[in-house]
Amino acid sequence: MASRLYSYTIRKVLRITGFVLLSFAVAGAAGLLFVRAFSIRQVEVDGDGMTIELDRSKLGENLWLIPTDRLTRELVADYPLLSTVRFEKRFPGTLIIHLVKRKPIANIVSGGVSYAVDADGYILGNATSLTAYPVLQFDIGLYAIGSKAADDRVHACLAFLKELNGALAIQRMTNGSGTSIRAIMGNTDILLPQHGDIRRKADTLQTIVEGFRIKGTLPAVIDLRFEKPIVTN
C-alpha cells in the first residue's frame, strides 16, 4: 500500500514539474515571438523642415514597449523649438516620430531686430513679416533662437494675446505710462497692467468691444488697469 502511494506521489510530482517546465517553455517562446514580431525595423522622422539626432538605443527593441512619455520630455528639453512630439506606431515594425514645432503668436522688436515668439516666450527665429502677428515693442536686448525671453512685460502681453486667441485685431503692444502696457487696436488705445491676472482683462476687453460694436463705434481709450474698466470716447 505504501509502495503504491509513493509511486502515485512520484508520478504526480513529475506531472506537475513537467507542466511547469512546459509552461515556462511556451511563455518563453511566446515572449521571443512577441519581441521578434514587433521589433523596430524602421524609424522615420516627420519634422516639417526640422531634423533631430536620435539615440536609437533609447527606443528599445520592441514597438509596443517604447517609453514615449520619457522620450517626449527628453526631446522637448533638448530641442526648445519643439512644442511636443507624437509617436506613431505602424505595426509590425515601423515607428514614425512627428515633430510638432512651436507656433508664433507675436513678433518682438528689440534693438532693431524682429523675432517671432510663441505663447511661452520662446524665440523661434527672425520675424519675416511684421504684419502677420501683433508687434511687441520692448527693449529687452538680443536673444538667440531657441532661448526664452525673460521680460515680464513680454510674458504679460503673450498671456493676454493667448487668451484673446485672435478674437481682436491687436496691432501693437508697448510701454504705456508708468508701469502700464499700451495695446493698440485700430484707433483704440488699451491700457493694461503689467502684473496680475491679465488673462481676465482679455475677457473684459472682448465684452466691452462687443458692446461698442453693436453701437457702431469703438472708444478712443479702454483703461483696464483697475478693478473696473474706464472707457473714454
C-alpha atoms as a PDB file:
ATOM      1  CA  MET A   1       0.000   0.000   0.000  1.00  0.00           C
ATOM      2  CA  ALA A   2       2.781   2.393   0.970  1.00  0.00           C
ATOM      3  CA  SER A   3       4.637   1.472  -2.221  1.00  0.00           C
ATOM      4  CA  ARG A   4       1.603   2.328  -4.369  1.00  0.00           C
ATOM      5  CA  LEU A   5       1.107   5.641  -2.568  1.00  0.00           C
ATOM      6  CA  TYR A   6       4.775   6.510  -3.043  1.00  0.00           C
ATOM      7  CA  SER A   7       4.586   5.667  -6.762  1.00  0.00           C
ATOM      8  CA  TYR A   8       1.447   7.785  -7.185  1.00  0.00           C
ATOM      9  CA  THR A   9       3.095  10.720  -5.423  1.00  0.00           C
ATOM     10  CA  ILE A  10       6.183  10.498  -7.646  1.00  0.00           C
ATOM     11  CA  ARG A  11       4.038  10.436 -10.803  1.00  0.00           C
ATOM     12  CA  LYS A  12       2.035  13.429  -9.582  1.00  0.00           C
ATOM     13  CA  VAL A  13       5.186  15.422  -8.824  1.00  0.00           C
ATOM     14  CA  LEU A  14       6.595  14.571 -12.257  1.00  0.00           C
ATOM     15  CA  ARG A  15       3.380  15.676 -13.956  1.00  0.00           C
ATOM     16  CA  ILE A  16       3.344  18.993 -12.090  1.00  0.00           C
ATOM     17  CA  THR A  17       7.028  19.538 -12.829  1.00  0.00           C
ATOM     18  CA  GLY A  18       6.504  18.722 -16.488  1.00  0.00           C
ATOM     19  CA  PHE A  19       3.544  21.104 -16.678  1.00  0.00           C
ATOM     20  CA  VAL A  20       5.552  23.910 -15.067  1.00  0.00           C
ATOM     21  CA  LEU A  21       8.501  23.386 -17.397  1.00  0.00           C
ATOM     22  CA  LEU A  22       6.194  23.257 -20.410  1.00  0.00           C
ATOM     23  CA  SER A  23       4.501  26.488 -19.275  1.00  0.00           C
ATOM     24  CA  PHE A  24       7.867  28.229 -18.984  1.00  0.00           C
ATOM     25  CA  ALA A  25       8.870  26.963 -22.408  1.00  0.00           C
ATOM     26  CA  VAL A  26       5.632  28.165 -24.008  1.00  0.00           C
ATOM     27  CA  ALA A  27       5.869  31.556 -22.276  1.00  0.00           C
ATOM     28  CA  GLY A  28       9.496  31.930 -23.351  1.00  0.00           C
ATOM     29  CA  ALA A  29       8.671  31.031 -26.942  1.00  0.00           C
ATOM     30  CA  ALA A  30       5.703  33.428 -26.953  1.00  0.00           C
ATOM     31  CA  GLY A  31       7.858  36.214 -25.498  1.00  0.00           C
ATOM     32  CA  LEU A  32      10.572  35.635 -28.086  1.00  0.00           C
ATOM     33  CA  LEU A  33       7.970  35.612 -30.859  1.00  0.00           C
ATOM     34  CA  PHE A  34       6.471  38.839 -29.460  1.00  0.00           C
ATOM     35  CA  VAL A  35       9.862  40.564 -29.414  1.00  0.00           C
ATOM     36  CA  ARG A  36      10.767  39.451 -32.910  1.00  0.00           C
ATOM     37  CA  ALA A  37       7.344  40.071 -34.421  1.00  0.00           C
ATOM     38  CA  PHE A  38       7.188  43.681 -33.214  1.00  0.00           C
ATOM     39  CA  SER A  39      10.864  44.617 -33.223  1.00  0.00           C
ATOM     40  CA  ILE A  40      11.612  48.129 -34.520  1.00  0.00           C
ATOM     41  CA  ARG A  41      12.914  47.741 -38.064  1.00  0.00           C
ATOM     42  CA  GLN A  42      12.439  51.273 -39.392  1.00  0.00           C
ATOM     43  CA  VAL A  43      12.326  54.739 -37.805  1.00  0.00           C
ATOM     44  CA  GLU A  44      11.057  57.755 -39.748  1.00  0.00           C
ATOM     45  CA  VAL A  45      11.149  61.390 -38.588  1.00  0.00           C
ATOM     46  CA  ASP A  46       8.432  63.761 -39.797  1.00  0.00           C
ATOM     47  CA  GLY A  47       9.942  67.127 -38.950  1.00  0.00           C
ATOM     48  CA  ASP A  48       8.436  69.721 -41.314  1.00  0.00           C
ATOM     49  CA  GLY A  49      11.886  71.016 -42.210  1.00  0.00           C
ATOM     50  CA  MET A  50      13.368  70.206 -38.789  1.00  0.00           C
ATOM     51  CA  THR A  51      15.847  67.423 -38.016  1.00  0.00           C
ATOM     52  CA  ILE A  52      16.936  65.838 -34.746  1.00  0.00           C
ATOM     53  CA  GLU A  53      19.677  63.471 -33.639  1.00  0.00           C
ATOM     54  CA  LEU A  54      18.034  60.346 -32.270  1.00  0.00           C
ATOM     55  CA  ASP A  55      19.702  57.822 -29.991  1.00  0.00           C
ATOM     56  CA  ARG A  56      18.222  54.546 -31.223  1.00  0.00           C
ATOM     57  CA  SER A  57      19.235  52.763 -28.043  1.00  0.00           C
ATOM     58  CA  LYS A  58      16.693  54.841 -26.070  1.00  0.00           C
ATOM     59  CA  LEU A  59      13.849  53.476 -28.175  1.00  0.00           C
ATOM     60  CA  GLY A  60      14.361  49.902 -27.047  1.00  0.00           C
ATOM     61  CA  GLU A  61      13.784  46.949 -29.361  1.00  0.00           C
ATOM     62  CA  ASN A  62      10.021  46.492 -29.329  1.00  0.00           C
ATOM     63  CA  LEU A  63       7.415  48.759 -30.888  1.00  0.00           C
ATOM     64  CA  TRP A  64       4.909  48.062 -28.102  1.00  0.00           C
ATOM     65  CA  LEU A  65       7.316  48.991 -25.302  1.00  0.00           C
ATOM     66  CA  ILE A  66       8.635  52.385 -26.441  1.00  0.00           C
ATOM     67  CA  PRO A  67       8.842  54.805 -23.437  1.00  0.00           C
ATOM     68  CA  THR A  68       7.020  57.603 -25.290  1.00  0.00           C
ATOM     69  CA  ASP A  69       6.453  59.887 -22.261  1.00  0.00           C
ATOM     70  CA  ARG A  70      10.123  59.894 -21.261  1.00  0.00           C
ATOM     71  CA  LEU A  71      11.317  60.343 -24.850  1.00  0.00           C
ATOM     72  CA  THR A  72       8.930  63.257 -25.366  1.00  0.00           C
ATOM     73  CA  ARG A  73      10.254  65.033 -22.264  1.00  0.00           C
ATOM     74  CA  GLU A  74      13.867  64.482 -23.294  1.00  0.00           C
ATOM     75  CA  LEU A  75      13.398  65.636 -26.900  1.00  0.00           C
ATOM     76  CA  VAL A  76      11.478  68.786 -25.903  1.00  0.00           C
ATOM     77  CA  ALA A  77      14.221  69.587 -23.372  1.00  0.00           C
ATOM     78  CA  ASP A  78      16.962  69.045 -25.973  1.00  0.00           C
ATOM     79  CA  TYR A  79      15.147  70.941 -28.749  1.00  0.00           C
ATOM     80  CA  PRO A  80      13.371  74.008 -27.315  1.00  0.00           C
ATOM     81  CA  LEU A  81      11.786  74.821 -30.696  1.00  0.00           C
ATOM     82  CA  LEU A  82       9.639  71.707 -30.280  1.00  0.00           C
ATOM     83  CA  SER A  83       6.227  72.072 -28.688  1.00  0.00           C
ATOM     84  CA  THR A  84       5.768  68.314 -28.336  1.00  0.00           C
ATOM     85  CA  VAL A  85       6.478  65.009 -30.081  1.00  0.00           C
ATOM     86  CA  ARG A  86       3.975  62.424 -31.302  1.00  0.00           C
ATOM     87  CA  PHE A  87       4.897  58.774 -31.822  1.00  0.00           C
ATOM     88  CA  GLU A  88       3.007  56.822 -34.484  1.00  0.00           C
ATOM     89  CA  LYS A  89       3.373  53.048 -34.412  1.00  0.00           C
ATOM     90  CA  ARG A  90       2.786  51.276 -37.693  1.00  0.00           C
ATOM     91  CA  PHE A  91       2.829  47.593 -36.962  1.00  0.00           C
ATOM     92  CA  PRO A  92       4.572  45.335 -37.233  1.00  0.00           C
ATOM     93  CA  GLY A  93       7.866  47.292 -37.139  1.00  0.00           C
ATOM     94  CA  THR A  94       7.756  50.956 -38.237  1.00  0.00           C
ATOM     95  CA  LEU A  95       7.961  53.928 -35.883  1.00  0.00           C
ATOM     96  CA  ILE A  96       7.178  57.441 -37.137  1.00  0.00           C
ATOM     97  CA  ILE A  97       8.238  60.362 -34.937  1.00  0.00           C
ATOM     98  CA  HIS A  98       6.219  63.520 -35.628  1.00  0.00           C
ATOM     99  CA  LEU A  99       7.950  66.708 -34.503  1.00  0.00           C
ATOM    100  CA  VAL A 100       5.440  69.410 -33.550  1.00  0.00           C
ATOM    101  CA  LYS A 101       7.105  72.822 -33.711  1.00  0.00           C
ATOM    102  CA  ARG A 102       6.168  75.805 -31.596  1.00  0.00           C
ATOM    103  CA  LYS A 103       3.896  78.281 -33.377  1.00  0.00           C
ATOM    104  CA  PRO A 104       4.455  82.045 -33.330  1.00  0.00           C
ATOM    105  CA  ILE A 105       1.863  84.225 -31.679  1.00  0.00           C
ATOM    106  CA  ALA A 106       3.606  87.617 -31.916  1.00  0.00           C
ATOM    107  CA  ASN A 107       6.723  89.431 -33.116  1.00  0.00           C
ATOM    108  CA  ILE A 108       9.110  91.123 -30.689  1.00  0.00           C
ATOM    109  CA  VAL A 109      11.003  94.194 -31.899  1.00  0.00           C
ATOM    110  CA  SER A 110      14.067  94.906 -29.760  1.00  0.00           C
ATOM    111  CA  GLY A 111      17.336  96.626 -30.602  1.00  0.00           C
ATOM    112  CA  GLY A 112      16.360  96.930 -34.245  1.00  0.00           C
ATOM    113  CA  VAL A 113      15.850  93.151 -34.569  1.00  0.00           C
ATOM    114  CA  SER A 114      12.489  91.423 -35.040  1.00  0.00           C
ATOM    115  CA  TYR A 115      11.876  87.997 -33.522  1.00  0.00           C
ATOM    116  CA  ALA A 116       8.981  85.592 -33.890  1.00  0.00           C
ATOM    117  CA  VAL A 117       7.901  84.380 -30.437  1.00  0.00           C
ATOM    118  CA  ASP A 118       5.486  81.712 -29.237  1.00  0.00           C
ATOM    119  CA  ALA A 119       2.967  81.893 -26.375  1.00  0.00           C
ATOM    120  CA  ASP A 120       5.550  80.668 -23.836  1.00  0.00           C
ATOM    121  CA  GLY A 121       8.116  83.294 -24.814  1.00  0.00           C
ATOM    122  CA  TYR A 122      10.473  81.111 -26.871  1.00  0.00           C
ATOM    123  CA  ILE A 123      12.333  82.905 -29.658  1.00  0.00           C
ATOM    124  CA  LEU A 124      11.560  80.964 -32.846  1.00  0.00           C
ATOM    125  CA  GLY A 125      13.652  82.944 -35.321  1.00  0.00           C
ATOM    126  CA  ASN A 126      13.817  86.259 -37.109  1.00  0.00           C
ATOM    127  CA  ALA A 127      10.373  87.614 -37.972  1.00  0.00           C
ATOM    128  CA  THR A 128       9.843  87.676 -41.717  1.00  0.00           C
ATOM    129  CA  SER A 129       6.691  89.807 -41.640  1.00  0.00           C
ATOM    130  CA  LEU A 130       5.665  92.339 -39.036  1.00  0.00           C
ATOM    131  CA  THR A 131       2.099  92.373 -40.352  1.00  0.00           C
ATOM    132  CA  ALA A 132       1.384  88.703 -39.716  1.00  0.00           C
ATOM    133  CA  TYR A 133       1.245  88.938 -35.894  1.00  0.00           C
ATOM    134  CA  PRO A 134       0.902  91.607 -33.217  1.00  0.00           C
ATOM    135  CA  VAL A 135       4.152  93.502 -32.623  1.00  0.00           C
ATOM    136  CA  LEU A 136       5.563  93.670 -29.086  1.00  0.00           C
ATOM    137  CA  GLN A 137       7.839  96.690 -28.993  1.00  0.00           C
ATOM    138  CA  PHE A 138      10.084  96.497 -25.927  1.00  0.00           C
ATOM    139  CA  ASP A 139      13.799  96.999 -25.445  1.00  0.00           C
ATOM    140  CA  ILE A 140      14.728  93.606 -23.984  1.00  0.00           C
ATOM    141  CA  GLY A 141      18.129  93.130 -25.605  1.00  0.00           C
ATOM    142  CA  LEU A 142      19.144  90.479 -28.117  1.00  0.00           C
ATOM    143  CA  TYR A 143      18.192  86.811 -27.928  1.00  0.00           C
ATOM    144  CA  ALA A 144      19.393  83.620 -29.577  1.00  0.00           C
ATOM    145  CA  ILE A 145      16.963  81.360 -31.408  1.00  0.00           C
ATOM    146  CA  GLY A 146      15.616  78.743 -29.025  1.00  0.00           C
ATOM    147  CA  SER A 147      16.139  80.884 -25.924  1.00  0.00           C
ATOM    148  CA  LYS A 148      13.286  82.186 -23.802  1.00  0.00           C
ATOM    149  CA  ALA A 149      12.506  85.867 -23.301  1.00  0.00           C
ATOM    150  CA  ALA A 150      12.800  86.736 -19.624  1.00  0.00           C
ATOM    151  CA  ASP A 151      10.966  90.075 -19.620  1.00  0.00           C
ATOM    152  CA  ASP A 152       7.788  90.199 -17.506  1.00  0.00           C
ATOM    153  CA  ARG A 153       6.151  92.701 -19.865  1.00  0.00           C
ATOM    154  CA  VAL A 154       6.600  90.346 -22.798  1.00  0.00           C
ATOM    155  CA  HIS A 155       5.083  87.426 -20.882  1.00  0.00           C
ATOM    156  CA  ALA A 156       2.145  89.586 -19.787  1.00  0.00           C
ATOM    157  CA  CYS A 157       1.490  90.546 -23.421  1.00  0.00           C
ATOM    158  CA  LEU A 158       1.775  86.932 -24.566  1.00  0.00           C
ATOM    159  CA  ALA A 159      -0.673  85.736 -21.891  1.00  0.00           C
ATOM    160  CA  PHE A 160      -3.092  88.468 -22.980  1.00  0.00           C
ATOM    161  CA  LEU A 161      -2.799  87.576 -26.691  1.00  0.00           C
ATOM    162  CA  LYS A 162      -3.110  83.871 -25.985  1.00  0.00           C
ATOM    163  CA  GLU A 163      -6.349  84.459 -24.106  1.00  0.00           C
ATOM    164  CA  LEU A 164      -7.711  86.624 -26.928  1.00  0.00           C
ATOM    165  CA  ASN A 165      -6.858  83.840 -29.394  1.00  0.00           C
ATOM    166  CA  GLY A 166      -7.157  86.166 -32.390  1.00  0.00           C
ATOM    167  CA  ALA A 167     -10.625  87.420 -31.466  1.00  0.00           C
ATOM    168  CA  LEU A 168      -9.460  91.064 -31.608  1.00  0.00           C
ATOM    169  CA  ALA A 169      -7.012  92.638 -34.064  1.00  0.00           C
ATOM    170  CA  ILE A 170      -4.285  93.923 -31.734  1.00  0.00           C
ATOM    171  CA  GLN A 171      -1.618  95.557 -33.921  1.00  0.00           C
ATOM    172  CA  ARG A 172       0.985  96.617 -31.374  1.00  0.00           C
ATOM    173  CA  MET A 173       1.803  96.428 -27.662  1.00  0.00           C
ATOM    174  CA  THR A 174       4.400  98.607 -25.967  1.00  0.00           C
ATOM    175  CA  ASN A 175       5.146 100.573 -22.797  1.00  0.00           C
ATOM    176  CA  GLY A 176       2.392 102.819 -21.506  1.00  0.00           C
ATOM    177  CA  SER A 177       2.579 105.454 -18.819  1.00  0.00           C
ATOM    178  CA  GLY A 178       4.050 104.350 -15.510  1.00  0.00           C
ATOM    179  CA  THR A 179       4.013 100.572 -15.238  1.00  0.00           C
ATOM    180  CA  SER A 180       1.213 100.024 -17.727  1.00  0.00           C
ATOM    181  CA  ILE A 181       1.198  98.305 -21.105  1.00  0.00           C
ATOM    182  CA  ARG A 182      -0.350 100.058 -24.077  1.00  0.00           C
ATOM    183  CA  ALA A 183      -2.075  97.915 -26.706  1.00  0.00           C
ATOM    184  CA  ILE A 184      -3.175  99.481 -29.975  1.00  0.00           C
ATOM    185  CA  MET A 185      -6.224  98.189 -31.849  1.00  0.00           C
ATOM    186  CA  GLY A 186      -7.019 100.431 -34.791  1.00  0.00           C
ATOM    187  CA  ASN A 187      -7.818 103.870 -33.353  1.00  0.00           C
ATOM    188  CA  THR A 188      -8.329 102.494 -29.834  1.00  0.00           C
ATOM    189  CA  ASP A 189      -5.702 102.527 -27.093  1.00  0.00           C
ATOM    190  CA  ILE A 190      -5.999  99.804 -24.473  1.00  0.00           C
ATOM    191  CA  LEU A 191      -4.176 100.264 -21.156  1.00  0.00           C
ATOM    192  CA  LEU A 192      -3.234  97.116 -19.256  1.00  0.00           C
ATOM    193  CA  PRO A 193      -1.390  96.368 -16.017  1.00  0.00           C
ATOM    194  CA  GLN A 194       1.951  94.582 -16.224  1.00  0.00           C
ATOM    195  CA  HIS A 195       1.065  92.241 -13.370  1.00  0.00           C
ATOM    196  CA  GLY A 196      -1.950  90.356 -12.073  1.00  0.00           C
ATOM    197  CA  ASP A 197      -4.389  88.137 -13.932  1.00  0.00           C
ATOM    198  CA  ILE A 198      -4.049  89.769 -17.333  1.00  0.00           C
ATOM    199  CA  ARG A 199      -5.955  86.922 -18.964  1.00  0.00           C
ATOM    200  CA  ARG A 200      -9.106  88.088 -17.182  1.00  0.00           C
ATOM    201  CA  LYS A 201      -8.528  91.517 -18.726  1.00  0.00           C
ATOM    202  CA  ALA A 202      -8.768  89.886 -22.168  1.00  0.00           C
ATOM    203  CA  ASP A 203     -12.266  88.605 -21.355  1.00  0.00           C
ATOM    204  CA  THR A 204     -13.287  92.046 -20.109  1.00  0.00           C
ATOM    205  CA  LEU A 205     -11.963  93.714 -23.250  1.00  0.00           C
ATOM    206  CA  GLN A 206     -13.894  91.385 -25.534  1.00  0.00           C
ATOM    207  CA  THR A 207     -17.121  92.140 -23.663  1.00  0.00           C
ATOM    208  CA  ILE A 208     -16.551  95.908 -23.911  1.00  0.00           C
ATOM    209  CA  VAL A 209     -15.630  95.813 -27.606  1.00  0.00           C
ATOM    210  CA  GLU A 210     -18.645  93.668 -28.450  1.00  0.00           C
ATOM    211  CA  GLY A 211     -20.942  96.171 -26.752  1.00  0.00           C
ATOM    212  CA  PHE A 212     -19.454  99.134 -28.595  1.00  0.00           C
ATOM    213  CA  ARG A 213     -19.526  97.357 -31.945  1.00  0.00           C
ATOM    214  CA  ILE A 214     -23.258  96.966 -31.571  1.00  0.00           C
ATOM    215  CA  LYS A 215     -23.424 100.748 -31.275  1.00  0.00           C
ATOM    216  CA  GLY A 216     -21.230 101.109 -34.356  1.00  0.00           C
ATOM    217  CA  THR A 217     -18.147 102.877 -32.947  1.00  0.00           C
ATOM    218  CA  LEU A 218     -15.223 101.977 -30.706  1.00  0.00           C
ATOM    219  CA  PRO A 219     -13.965 104.244 -27.901  1.00  0.00           C
ATOM    220  CA  ALA A 220     -10.650 106.098 -28.039  1.00  0.00           C
ATOM    221  CA  VAL A 221      -9.303 104.610 -24.785  1.00  0.00           C
ATOM    222  CA  ILE A 222     -10.176 101.480 -22.791  1.00  0.00           C
ATOM    223  CA  ASP A 223      -8.355 101.517 -19.461  1.00  0.00           C
ATOM    224  CA  LEU A 224      -8.201  98.056 -17.872  1.00  0.00           C
ATOM    225  CA  ARG A 225      -5.558  98.786 -15.243  1.00  0.00           C
ATOM    226  CA  PHE A 226      -8.041  98.945 -12.401  1.00  0.00           C
ATOM    227  CA  GLU A 227     -10.752  96.717 -10.970  1.00  0.00           C
ATOM    228  CA  LYS A 228     -13.415  98.471 -13.045  1.00  0.00           C
ATOM    229  CA  PRO A 229     -12.691  99.440 -16.659  1.00  0.00           C
ATOM    230  CA  ILE A 230     -12.656 103.119 -17.639  1.00  0.00           C
ATOM    231  CA  VAL A 231     -13.825 103.925 -21.160  1.00  0.00           C
ATOM    232  CA  THR A 232     -13.097 107.270 -22.849  1.00  0.00           C
ATOM    233  CA  ASN A 233     -14.701 108.275 -26.146  1.00  0.00           C
END
